[in-house]
Amino acid sequence: MAVAMVTTAVEQTPTIDEPVYVGTAAVHLHERSLRLNPEHPPLGKLIIAAGVAAADPHFDRAYVGDQSHVGRHLLYESGNDPWRLMLWARAPVIALTLLFGLVVFAFGRELAGAVGGLGALTLFAFSPDVIAHGSLATLDVPAAGFVLTSVWLLWRARWRPRLYLPLAGAALGAAVATKMNTLAAVPVLLLLAGLSVWRARRTADPGARLKLLARAVAGAALVALVTVAVVWASYLAVDPRLRWTPSPGEVPAVHGLRGQLTGLLPFPEAYRDGMRLQFGLENAHWEGFLFGRHYEGSLWYYLPAALLVKTPLGMLALWAAGTVAFLKVRQLRPTAPYLLLPAAVLLAAAMAGQRDFGVRYAIFVPMFGAVAAVGVLALRRRWVPVAAAGLLAFVAVSSLRTFPFYLPYSNEAFGSTTKTHERLHDSNVDWGQDLGRLADRLRDRYAGQRVWLVYKGSGVPSHYGIHASDPRGRPERKVRGVLVVSDSSVAKARGRLARLIHSSHEVDEVGHSITIFRR
């Protein structure tokens, strides 16, 4: 898994979101300021900042711009090497993802022995989605991994609550201080904290139950307090003075229940304004693409459908069998609330969102699913170990076949990686990661030819030696030569771009995320 992620990190150019986080990390380091990217808490960007600090790039303190321009300026306009800087920025996330693999192994081993731990680790290590997003300087995998770590520690608190409840609170606080969507899991994990104390101290004495209930409530309160403390600490680590003054009109007004709940959050004002920004983004106009259909708004079933496409078939089978086992096998039922309930709540919250941009919004599913799959070992059938081993091998082969193109992976039932762009878009397949590969392809096969480019990403084509024009502002009859279009732009093409594509001949592709046409 380490080899796969490092290889991916070395070969991919910045994805759409990465320059924002890398630029913000640099601002956190050099300016001690919270002014950029308030819609996400600072902890994940502080993790990325560890790599940025190691790279020691030149940072232009005099440059003033919004979060997307700061990252672009740092990578391409400040004399830094974007390849080197991005690799260093991605390195802490890669290391953290590998550590989450050890959590998966430990959790699985405690539930089903060493064989179960190794099986869970195998599913985690070969998950194309975890590899893809664990090798990027983004926030999705860190946030999901911290939630899983908190659940594992709450499970261990059933035996030693005094030791593990504070640790679980710290992990939950790290999740909430990395991405705000993890707030949906907080009530569930607080209930699990109380459940762990109840089971650790349970007694047959009816008179002691009230005291036990009080201890359970106190345990949940302890986890909540530590969670809040970690969030505050992450903001104070950036700016001990907590200076935060949004620009006029930057933060939208949020009314109703959402507004009331946001105002009650026991977090810094910058966090609450970040929540308001997230609600504002939910109310924006978005477009999606699923199974060849380009639509406006969102589809409630988008994430389950995308997971069905982008998860190895053997993994899907093991998840399903393991989930059934946790619900039906008596000795596994006490664990079911810990594994299944947080993942279900997070998935439901993600499905209710308006941004159908990719399975990264549900990256916790393969993490929790890897542990849940160990439930198959509790099924007392002779053929189960053989079938499970066969499915694990199938997962490994499917994952290895897509190397190093993990971002656009899809399973064999949907045509494998080469066909993903026909069914999905955005971070499922094309997130701007192949600009460097495109430069190599144009230089090797299309040198000297006129190039027209519609690129969806945050990279700067000219920096990689790509000198191209945008065809959308020219008369169609004058667009002749090589037409290069990012697959997300192909999926959502309308008007002039759609006519250009339909009247062109497809001749090549790059990284399964960019299509090359000839006109």
Protein backbone atom coordinates (compact mmCIF):
# COMPACT_ATOMS: atom_id res chain seq x y z
CA MET A 1 0.00 0.00 0.00
CA ALA A 2 2.87 2.36 0.80
CA VAL A 3 4.46 1.67 -2.59
CA ALA A 4 1.16 2.27 -4.37
CA MET A 5 0.49 5.55 -2.58
CA VAL A 6 4.02 6.92 -2.96
CA THR A 7 4.06 6.00 -6.66
CA THR A 8 0.72 7.73 -7.13
CA ALA A 9 1.88 10.79 -5.20
CA VAL A 10 5.04 11.05 -7.31
CA GLU A 11 3.28 10.76 -10.68
CA GLN A 12 0.15 12.89 -10.17
CA THR A 13 -0.08 16.64 -10.61
CA PRO A 14 -2.14 18.68 -8.11
CA THR A 15 -5.80 17.76 -7.96
CA ILE A 16 -8.46 20.45 -7.77
CA ASP A 17 -8.58 20.79 -3.97
CA GLU A 18 -4.92 20.24 -3.10
CA PRO A 19 -3.50 23.70 -3.92
CA VAL A 20 -6.09 25.24 -1.60
CA TYR A 21 -5.02 23.05 1.32
CA VAL A 22 -1.30 23.37 0.58
CA GLY A 23 -1.56 27.16 0.27
CA THR A 24 -3.59 27.36 3.46
CA ALA A 25 -1.06 25.15 5.24
CA ALA A 26 1.69 27.56 4.21
CA VAL A 27 -0.34 30.51 5.50
CA HIS A 28 -0.88 28.68 8.79
CA LEU A 29 2.88 28.17 9.06
CA HIS A 30 4.16 31.58 8.00
CA GLU A 31 1.37 33.99 8.91
CA ARG A 32 -0.23 32.18 11.87
CA SER A 33 -3.52 33.18 10.29
CA LEU A 34 -6.97 31.59 9.95
CA ARG A 35 -7.95 33.82 7.01
CA LEU A 36 -8.01 31.09 4.34
CA ASN A 37 -10.27 28.07 3.84
CA PRO A 38 -12.50 28.67 6.89
CA GLU A 39 -15.03 26.12 5.59
CA HIS A 40 -12.69 23.41 6.90
CA PRO A 41 -11.16 23.33 10.39
CA PRO A 42 -7.35 23.61 10.59
CA LEU A 43 -6.13 20.24 11.89
CA GLY A 44 -5.99 18.45 8.53
CA LYS A 45 -4.14 21.40 7.03
CA LEU A 46 -1.72 21.40 9.98
CA ILE A 47 -0.97 17.76 9.15
CA ILE A 48 -0.27 18.78 5.55
CA ALA A 49 1.77 21.69 6.90
CA ALA A 50 4.25 19.22 8.40
CA GLY A 51 5.17 18.18 4.88
CA VAL A 52 5.15 21.76 3.61
CA ALA A 53 7.53 22.73 6.41
CA ALA A 54 9.87 19.88 5.43
CA ALA A 55 9.83 21.05 1.80
CA ASP A 56 10.65 24.59 2.99
CA PRO A 57 9.25 26.39 -0.07
CA HIS A 58 9.67 30.08 -0.74
CA PHE A 59 6.57 31.83 0.60
CA ASP A 60 5.64 35.26 -0.64
CA ARG A 61 4.22 37.11 2.36
CA ALA A 62 3.35 40.12 0.22
CA TYR A 63 0.99 38.16 -2.01
CA VAL A 64 -2.69 38.73 -1.25
CA GLY A 65 -5.34 36.58 -2.88
CA ASP A 66 -8.13 34.14 -2.17
CA GLN A 67 -7.46 30.55 -1.17
CA SER A 68 -7.27 29.16 -4.70
CA HIS A 69 -4.90 31.88 -5.90
CA VAL A 70 -2.58 31.55 -2.89
CA GLY A 71 -2.04 27.86 -3.60
CA ARG A 72 -1.48 28.47 -7.30
CA HIS A 73 0.98 31.28 -6.53
CA LEU A 74 2.89 29.09 -4.08
CA LEU A 75 3.18 26.17 -6.50
CA TYR A 76 3.78 27.93 -9.81
CA GLU A 77 4.69 31.58 -9.33
CA SER A 78 7.08 31.66 -6.37
CA GLY A 79 10.05 29.79 -7.80
CA ASN A 80 9.15 26.48 -6.11
CA ASP A 81 9.20 23.02 -7.68
CA PRO A 82 5.54 21.92 -7.64
CA TRP A 83 6.46 18.23 -8.01
CA ARG A 84 8.69 18.30 -4.94
CA LEU A 85 6.35 20.48 -2.88
CA MET A 86 3.31 18.33 -3.62
CA LEU A 87 5.16 15.12 -2.75
CA TRP A 88 6.19 16.53 0.62
CA ALA A 89 2.67 17.87 1.26
CA ARG A 90 1.19 14.46 0.51
CA ALA A 91 3.72 12.53 2.63
CA PRO A 92 2.05 13.17 6.07
CA VAL A 93 -1.33 12.01 4.72
CA ILE A 94 0.29 8.87 3.31
CA ALA A 95 1.91 8.13 6.68
CA LEU A 96 -1.36 8.76 8.51
CA THR A 97 -3.25 6.46 6.12
CA LEU A 98 -0.77 3.67 6.85
CA LEU A 99 -1.30 4.21 10.58
CA PHE A 100 -5.04 3.89 10.09
CA GLY A 101 -4.26 0.53 8.47
CA LEU A 102 -2.76 -0.56 11.78
CA VAL A 103 -5.99 0.50 13.51
CA VAL A 104 -7.96 -1.62 11.05
CA PHE A 105 -5.63 -4.56 11.74
CA ALA A 106 -5.87 -4.18 15.52
CA PHE A 107 -9.66 -3.84 15.44
CA GLY A 108 -10.06 -6.86 13.19
CA ARG A 109 -7.68 -8.95 15.31
CA GLU A 110 -9.59 -8.16 18.48
CA LEU A 111 -12.82 -9.24 16.85
CA ALA A 112 -11.66 -12.34 14.96
CA GLY A 113 -8.09 -13.15 15.88
CA ALA A 114 -4.94 -12.73 13.81
CA VAL A 115 -6.59 -14.13 10.68
CA GLY A 116 -9.38 -11.59 10.99
CA GLY A 117 -6.89 -8.77 11.51
CA LEU A 118 -4.91 -9.74 8.42
CA GLY A 119 -8.09 -10.09 6.37
CA ALA A 120 -9.28 -6.62 7.41
CA LEU A 121 -5.85 -5.16 6.69
CA THR A 122 -5.82 -6.79 3.25
CA LEU A 123 -9.14 -5.17 2.33
CA PHE A 124 -7.92 -1.82 3.60
CA ALA A 125 -4.53 -2.01 1.90
CA PHE A 126 -5.94 -2.96 -1.50
CA SER A 127 -8.89 -0.54 -1.48
CA PRO A 128 -8.45 1.58 -4.63
CA ASP A 129 -10.39 4.48 -3.10
CA VAL A 130 -8.34 4.53 0.10
CA ILE A 131 -5.10 4.34 -1.89
CA ALA A 132 -6.26 7.08 -4.26
CA HIS A 133 -7.31 9.58 -1.61
CA GLY A 134 -4.77 8.51 1.00
CA SER A 135 -2.03 9.62 -1.39
CA LEU A 136 -3.39 13.17 -1.77
CA ALA A 137 -2.95 16.25 0.39
CA THR A 138 -6.66 16.36 1.15
CA LEU A 139 -8.85 15.92 4.23
CA ASP A 140 -11.20 13.03 3.46
CA VAL A 141 -9.06 10.07 4.56
CA PRO A 142 -7.68 11.77 7.71
CA ALA A 143 -11.18 12.69 8.89
CA ALA A 144 -12.60 9.21 8.23
CA GLY A 145 -9.60 7.51 9.82
CA PHE A 146 -9.91 9.55 12.99
CA VAL A 147 -13.59 8.55 13.29
CA LEU A 148 -12.67 4.88 12.88
CA THR A 149 -9.91 5.24 15.48
CA SER A 150 -12.36 6.79 17.92
CA VAL A 151 -14.80 3.91 17.39
CA TRP A 152 -12.03 1.35 17.99
CA LEU A 153 -11.02 3.10 21.22
CA LEU A 154 -14.65 3.23 22.37
CA TRP A 155 -14.87 -0.49 21.74
CA ARG A 156 -11.78 -1.02 23.92
CA ALA A 157 -13.33 1.22 26.59
CA ARG A 158 -15.75 -1.62 27.34
CA TRP A 159 -12.92 -3.08 29.44
CA ARG A 160 -10.86 -0.03 30.50
CA PRO A 161 -13.03 3.09 30.22
CA ARG A 162 -10.73 5.36 32.23
CA LEU A 163 -7.89 4.79 29.78
CA TYR A 164 -9.70 4.66 26.46
CA LEU A 165 -12.51 7.20 26.81
CA PRO A 166 -10.15 10.23 26.82
CA LEU A 167 -8.24 8.74 23.88
CA ALA A 168 -11.49 8.18 22.01
CA GLY A 169 -12.44 11.79 22.67
CA ALA A 170 -9.08 12.96 21.31
CA ALA A 171 -9.57 10.92 18.12
CA LEU A 172 -13.13 12.20 17.71
CA GLY A 173 -11.91 15.75 18.29
CA ALA A 174 -9.26 15.24 15.61
CA ALA A 175 -11.98 14.15 13.17
CA VAL A 176 -14.21 17.14 13.96
CA ALA A 177 -11.18 19.43 13.74
CA THR A 178 -10.38 18.07 10.26
CA LYS A 179 -13.77 18.04 8.46
CA MET A 180 -17.12 19.33 9.62
CA ASN A 181 -19.10 16.50 8.05
CA THR A 182 -17.87 14.25 10.88
CA LEU A 183 -20.13 16.19 13.27
CA ALA A 184 -22.92 13.85 12.16
CA ALA A 185 -21.15 11.00 13.96
CA VAL A 186 -20.69 12.86 17.26
CA PRO A 187 -24.10 12.01 18.85
CA VAL A 188 -23.68 8.35 17.88
CA LEU A 189 -20.18 8.12 19.33
CA LEU A 190 -21.28 9.81 22.55
CA LEU A 191 -24.02 7.19 22.89
CA LEU A 192 -21.41 4.49 22.28
CA ALA A 193 -19.22 6.04 24.97
CA GLY A 194 -22.06 5.72 27.46
CA LEU A 195 -22.75 2.18 26.26
CA SER A 196 -19.11 1.21 26.82
CA VAL A 197 -19.17 2.51 30.40
CA TRP A 198 -22.47 0.72 31.03
CA ARG A 199 -21.07 -2.60 29.83
CA ALA A 200 -17.79 -2.13 31.65
CA ARG A 201 -19.53 -1.50 35.00
CA ARG A 202 -22.76 -3.46 34.57
CA THR A 203 -24.08 -5.28 37.58
CA ALA A 204 -27.03 -7.47 38.46
CA ASP A 205 -27.89 -5.23 41.43
CA PRO A 206 -31.03 -3.25 40.48
CA GLY A 207 -30.17 -0.58 43.04
CA ALA A 208 -26.89 0.22 41.37
CA ARG A 209 -28.36 0.89 37.93
CA LEU A 210 -29.04 4.56 38.58
CA LYS A 211 -25.45 5.05 39.64
CA LEU A 212 -24.31 3.13 36.58
CA LEU A 213 -26.43 5.35 34.35
CA ALA A 214 -24.82 8.42 35.91
CA ARG A 215 -21.37 6.97 35.17
CA ALA A 216 -22.36 6.29 31.57
CA VAL A 217 -23.52 9.89 31.17
CA ALA A 218 -20.29 11.10 32.76
CA GLY A 219 -18.28 8.95 30.34
CA ALA A 220 -20.08 10.46 27.35
CA ALA A 221 -19.57 13.94 28.80
CA LEU A 222 -15.84 13.26 29.17
CA VAL A 223 -15.57 12.27 25.50
CA ALA A 224 -17.50 15.40 24.52
CA LEU A 225 -15.26 17.67 26.60
CA VAL A 226 -12.07 16.20 25.14
CA THR A 227 -13.54 16.52 21.65
CA VAL A 228 -14.27 20.20 22.20
CA ALA A 229 -10.82 20.76 23.70
CA VAL A 230 -9.06 19.23 20.67
CA VAL A 231 -11.02 21.46 18.28
CA TRP A 232 -10.09 24.57 20.27
CA ALA A 233 -6.47 23.41 20.45
CA SER A 234 -6.29 23.05 16.66
CA TYR A 235 -7.38 26.67 16.18
CA LEU A 236 -5.10 27.95 18.94
CA ALA A 237 -2.18 26.10 17.37
CA VAL A 238 -2.63 28.25 14.26
CA ASP A 239 -3.34 31.55 15.98
CA PRO A 240 -3.25 31.78 19.80
CA ARG A 241 -5.14 35.05 19.52
CA LEU A 242 -7.91 33.48 17.39
CA ARG A 243 -8.06 36.46 15.06
CA TRP A 244 -10.92 35.94 12.64
CA THR A 245 -12.61 38.67 10.63
CA PRO A 246 -14.51 37.44 7.57
CA SER A 247 -14.77 39.67 4.53
CA PRO A 248 -18.09 41.49 4.05
CA GLY A 249 -20.61 39.09 2.55
CA GLU A 250 -18.23 36.12 2.82
CA VAL A 251 -20.28 34.24 5.40
CA PRO A 252 -23.92 33.64 4.45
CA ALA A 253 -26.74 34.03 6.92
CA VAL A 254 -28.14 30.68 8.01
CA HIS A 255 -31.66 30.65 9.40
CA GLY A 256 -33.94 28.08 10.95
CA LEU A 257 -32.82 25.00 12.82
CA ARG A 258 -29.45 24.89 11.05
CA GLY A 259 -28.69 28.43 12.12
CA GLN A 260 -29.71 27.78 15.72
CA LEU A 261 -27.62 24.60 15.99
CA THR A 262 -24.61 26.30 14.42
CA GLY A 263 -24.83 29.12 16.94
CA LEU A 264 -24.88 26.60 19.80
CA LEU A 265 -21.69 24.80 18.77
CA PRO A 266 -19.11 25.14 21.59
CA PHE A 267 -16.34 25.95 19.12
CA PRO A 268 -14.49 29.10 18.02
CA GLU A 269 -16.39 31.61 15.93
CA ALA A 270 -14.23 30.72 12.93
CA TYR A 271 -15.56 27.15 13.15
CA ARG A 272 -19.17 28.30 13.35
CA ASP A 273 -18.67 30.60 10.36
CA GLY A 274 -17.11 27.66 8.55
CA MET A 275 -20.30 25.70 9.18
CA ARG A 276 -22.32 28.58 7.74
CA LEU A 277 -20.11 28.54 4.66
CA GLN A 278 -20.71 24.80 4.29
CA PHE A 279 -24.47 25.34 4.44
CA GLY A 280 -24.08 28.08 1.85
CA LEU A 281 -22.24 25.67 -0.44
CA GLU A 282 -25.05 23.16 -0.01
CA ASN A 283 -27.48 25.78 -1.27
CA ALA A 284 -25.42 26.57 -4.38
CA HIS A 285 -26.26 25.29 -7.86
CA TRP A 286 -24.45 22.02 -8.62
CA GLU A 287 -24.47 19.53 -11.45
CA GLY A 288 -23.87 15.79 -11.39
CA PHE A 289 -23.17 12.89 -13.73
CA LEU A 290 -24.16 9.30 -13.11
CA PHE A 291 -24.40 6.35 -15.52
CA GLY A 292 -24.19 8.67 -18.53
CA ARG A 293 -26.83 11.07 -17.26
CA HIS A 294 -25.92 14.73 -16.77
CA TYR A 295 -28.30 16.30 -14.25
CA GLU A 296 -28.76 19.39 -12.11
CA GLY A 297 -29.01 19.20 -8.34
CA SER A 298 -28.33 15.92 -6.55
CA LEU A 299 -29.56 12.33 -6.42
CA TRP A 300 -30.10 10.70 -3.05
CA TYR A 301 -28.77 7.37 -4.34
CA TYR A 302 -25.66 8.83 -5.97
CA LEU A 303 -23.15 7.69 -3.33
CA PRO A 304 -24.40 4.08 -3.05
CA ALA A 305 -24.38 3.84 -6.85
CA ALA A 306 -20.88 5.32 -7.09
CA LEU A 307 -19.62 2.93 -4.39
CA LEU A 308 -21.13 0.04 -6.34
CA VAL A 309 -19.07 1.07 -9.37
CA LYS A 310 -15.82 1.92 -7.61
CA THR A 311 -15.51 -0.90 -5.09
CA PRO A 312 -13.89 -4.24 -6.02
CA LEU A 313 -16.52 -6.94 -6.39
CA GLY A 314 -14.87 -9.23 -3.85
CA MET A 315 -14.85 -6.38 -1.36
CA LEU A 316 -18.56 -5.74 -1.87
CA ALA A 317 -19.30 -9.42 -1.23
CA LEU A 318 -17.22 -9.51 1.95
CA TRP A 319 -18.78 -6.30 3.25
CA ALA A 320 -22.28 -7.68 2.71
CA ALA A 321 -21.51 -11.06 4.28
CA GLY A 322 -19.73 -9.49 7.23
CA THR A 323 -22.57 -7.05 7.89
CA VAL A 324 -25.11 -9.87 7.87
CA ALA A 325 -22.92 -11.85 10.26
CA PHE A 326 -22.70 -8.94 12.73
CA LEU A 327 -26.48 -8.68 12.72
CA LYS A 328 -27.27 -12.42 12.92
CA VAL A 329 -24.43 -14.10 14.86
CA ARG A 330 -25.09 -13.81 18.56
CA GLN A 331 -21.52 -13.26 19.75
CA LEU A 332 -21.01 -10.47 17.22
CA ARG A 333 -24.15 -8.49 17.95
CA PRO A 334 -22.62 -6.44 20.80
CA THR A 335 -20.10 -5.07 18.28
CA ALA A 336 -22.66 -4.23 15.60
CA PRO A 337 -23.60 -0.78 17.01
CA TYR A 338 -19.92 0.24 17.08
CA LEU A 339 -19.16 -0.76 13.51
CA LEU A 340 -22.40 -0.32 11.65
CA LEU A 341 -24.18 2.61 13.28
CA PRO A 342 -21.51 5.34 12.82
CA ALA A 343 -20.93 4.33 9.21
CA ALA A 344 -24.67 4.27 8.52
CA VAL A 345 -25.23 7.71 10.03
CA LEU A 346 -22.28 9.24 8.18
CA LEU A 347 -23.46 7.69 4.91
CA ALA A 348 -27.01 8.96 5.43
CA ALA A 349 -25.69 12.47 6.11
CA ALA A 350 -23.49 12.34 3.00
CA MET A 351 -26.37 11.11 0.86
CA ALA A 352 -28.45 14.07 2.02
CA GLY A 353 -25.79 16.48 0.73
CA GLN A 354 -26.11 18.40 -2.53
CA ARG A 355 -22.62 17.80 -3.94
CA ASP A 356 -22.45 14.62 -6.02
CA PHE A 357 -18.70 14.86 -6.56
CA GLY A 358 -17.33 11.46 -5.65
CA VAL A 359 -16.97 8.56 -3.26
CA ARG A 360 -14.44 10.57 -1.27
CA TYR A 361 -17.47 11.88 0.62
CA ALA A 362 -18.03 8.29 1.77
CA ILE A 363 -14.39 7.19 2.11
CA PHE A 364 -15.21 5.93 5.61
CA VAL A 365 -17.22 3.08 4.03
CA PRO A 366 -14.20 1.02 2.84
CA MET A 367 -12.49 1.68 6.19
CA PHE A 368 -15.38 0.50 8.35
CA GLY A 369 -16.23 -2.15 5.77
CA ALA A 370 -12.76 -3.68 6.04
CA VAL A 371 -13.36 -4.34 9.74
CA ALA A 372 -16.97 -5.41 9.28
CA ALA A 373 -15.88 -8.02 6.74
CA VAL A 374 -14.21 -10.09 9.48
CA GLY A 375 -17.70 -11.13 10.56
CA VAL A 376 -17.66 -13.79 7.82
CA LEU A 377 -15.22 -15.80 9.96
CA ALA A 378 -18.00 -16.29 12.51
CA LEU A 379 -20.11 -18.13 9.94
CA ARG A 380 -19.59 -21.79 10.85
CA ARG A 381 -19.29 -23.30 7.40
CA ARG A 382 -16.34 -25.27 6.08
CA TRP A 383 -16.32 -23.43 2.79
CA VAL A 384 -16.25 -19.95 4.34
CA PRO A 385 -12.44 -19.64 4.82
CA VAL A 386 -11.79 -20.83 1.28
CA ALA A 387 -14.41 -18.49 -0.18
CA ALA A 388 -13.12 -15.56 1.88
CA ALA A 389 -9.54 -16.21 0.75
CA GLY A 390 -10.69 -16.38 -2.86
CA LEU A 391 -12.55 -13.09 -2.56
CA LEU A 392 -9.52 -11.43 -0.94
CA ALA A 393 -7.35 -12.64 -3.81
CA PHE A 394 -9.90 -11.28 -6.30
CA VAL A 395 -9.75 -7.89 -4.53
CA ALA A 396 -5.95 -7.86 -4.65
CA VAL A 397 -5.82 -8.72 -8.35
CA SER A 398 -8.45 -6.11 -9.23
CA SER A 399 -6.56 -3.45 -7.28
CA LEU A 400 -3.17 -4.37 -8.74
CA ARG A 401 -4.55 -4.28 -12.27
CA THR A 402 -5.42 -0.59 -11.97
CA PHE A 403 -1.97 0.44 -10.67
CA PRO A 404 -1.07 3.32 -10.70
CA PHE A 405 -4.42 4.76 -11.85
CA TYR A 406 -6.37 4.39 -8.61
CA LEU A 407 -8.45 7.56 -8.80
CA PRO A 408 -10.44 6.45 -11.91
CA TYR A 409 -10.81 2.82 -10.75
CA SER A 410 -14.03 0.92 -11.32
CA ASN A 411 -14.67 -2.80 -10.91
CA GLU A 412 -14.96 -5.44 -13.62
CA ALA A 413 -18.76 -5.43 -13.65
CA PHE A 414 -18.68 -1.86 -14.96
CA GLY A 415 -15.90 -2.26 -17.50
CA SER A 416 -12.91 -1.62 -15.20
CA THR A 417 -10.89 1.56 -14.99
CA THR A 418 -10.99 2.39 -18.70
CA LYS A 419 -14.79 2.83 -18.61
CA THR A 420 -15.27 4.83 -15.40
CA HIS A 421 -15.59 8.14 -17.27
CA GLU A 422 -18.70 6.83 -19.03
CA ARG A 423 -20.54 6.48 -15.70
CA LEU A 424 -19.02 8.94 -13.22
CA HIS A 425 -17.14 12.24 -13.16
CA ASP A 426 -15.17 14.63 -10.94
CA SER A 427 -13.03 13.05 -8.19
CA ASN A 428 -14.29 9.59 -9.16
CA VAL A 429 -12.25 9.71 -12.34
CA ASP A 430 -10.88 13.11 -13.33
CA TRP A 431 -9.66 15.52 -10.68
CA GLY A 432 -6.93 17.24 -12.67
CA GLN A 433 -4.31 14.64 -11.67
CA ASP A 434 -2.94 13.79 -15.12
CA LEU A 435 -1.62 17.11 -16.42
CA GLY A 436 1.97 15.88 -16.22
CA ARG A 437 1.14 12.68 -18.07
CA LEU A 438 -0.67 14.74 -20.70
CA ALA A 439 2.44 16.86 -21.23
CA ASP A 440 4.52 13.72 -21.79
CA ARG A 441 1.96 12.31 -24.23
CA LEU A 442 1.73 15.49 -26.29
CA ARG A 443 5.50 15.74 -26.46
CA ASP A 444 5.91 12.08 -27.47
CA ARG A 445 3.07 11.68 -29.98
CA TYR A 446 1.79 15.11 -31.02
CA ALA A 447 4.88 17.31 -31.14
CA GLY A 448 4.51 20.32 -33.42
CA GLN A 449 0.73 19.99 -33.76
CA ARG A 450 -1.80 22.65 -32.80
CA VAL A 451 -3.32 21.79 -29.41
CA TRP A 452 -6.68 22.93 -28.04
CA LEU A 453 -7.31 22.23 -24.37
CA VAL A 454 -10.30 22.12 -22.02
CA TYR A 455 -8.70 21.16 -18.71
CA LYS A 456 -10.58 20.70 -15.44
CA GLY A 457 -8.06 21.09 -12.65
CA SER A 458 -5.87 23.39 -10.60
CA GLY A 459 -2.58 22.80 -12.42
CA VAL A 460 -1.05 25.33 -14.80
CA PRO A 461 -0.65 23.66 -18.22
CA SER A 462 2.08 26.01 -19.42
CA HIS A 463 4.27 25.10 -16.46
CA TYR A 464 4.39 21.54 -17.77
CA GLY A 465 5.18 22.63 -21.30
CA ILE A 466 1.61 22.47 -22.64
CA HIS A 467 0.92 25.44 -24.91
CA ALA A 468 -2.70 25.27 -25.92
CA SER A 469 -5.72 27.46 -26.55
CA ASP A 470 -9.27 27.16 -25.24
CA PRO A 471 -11.49 26.17 -28.19
CA ARG A 472 -14.71 27.38 -26.62
CA GLY A 473 -14.08 30.99 -27.61
CA ARG A 474 -13.24 30.29 -31.25
CA PRO A 475 -15.41 29.53 -34.28
CA GLU A 476 -15.77 25.77 -34.69
CA ARG A 477 -14.35 25.80 -38.22
CA LYS A 478 -11.07 27.23 -36.91
CA VAL A 479 -10.60 24.56 -34.24
CA ARG A 480 -8.36 22.12 -36.10
CA GLY A 481 -5.66 19.81 -34.85
CA VAL A 482 -5.56 18.06 -31.46
CA LEU A 483 -8.46 18.66 -29.08
CA VAL A 484 -7.78 17.61 -25.47
CA VAL A 485 -10.68 17.52 -23.00
CA SER A 486 -10.82 16.43 -19.37
CA ASP A 487 -13.34 13.63 -19.00
CA SER A 488 -15.42 15.56 -16.46
CA SER A 489 -15.79 18.30 -19.06
CA VAL A 490 -16.73 15.69 -21.65
CA ALA A 491 -19.39 14.30 -19.30
CA LYS A 492 -21.01 17.70 -18.76
CA ALA A 493 -20.35 19.19 -22.21
CA ARG A 494 -23.02 21.49 -23.59
CA GLY A 495 -23.32 23.96 -26.42
CA ARG A 496 -20.17 24.66 -28.42
CA LEU A 497 -17.98 22.18 -26.52
CA ALA A 498 -20.51 19.39 -27.08
CA ARG A 499 -20.60 20.17 -30.82
CA LEU A 500 -16.80 20.20 -30.99
CA ILE A 501 -16.59 16.81 -29.29
CA HIS A 502 -19.31 15.23 -31.40
CA SER A 503 -17.68 16.42 -34.61
CA SER A 504 -14.24 15.12 -33.61
CA HIS A 505 -12.60 11.71 -33.77
CA GLU A 506 -11.33 10.16 -30.53
CA VAL A 507 -7.73 9.03 -30.97
CA ASP A 508 -6.16 8.68 -27.51
CA GLU A 509 -6.58 8.92 -23.75
CA VAL A 510 -4.32 9.84 -20.85
CA GLY A 511 -4.54 8.29 -17.39
CA HIS A 512 -8.15 7.23 -18.04
CA SER A 513 -9.13 10.80 -17.16
CA ILE A 514 -8.35 12.87 -20.27
CA THR A 515 -9.51 12.18 -23.83
CA ILE A 516 -7.66 13.31 -26.95
CA PHE A 517 -9.60 13.99 -30.14
CA ARG A 518 -8.50 14.95 -33.63
CA ARG A 519 -10.28 17.55 -35.72
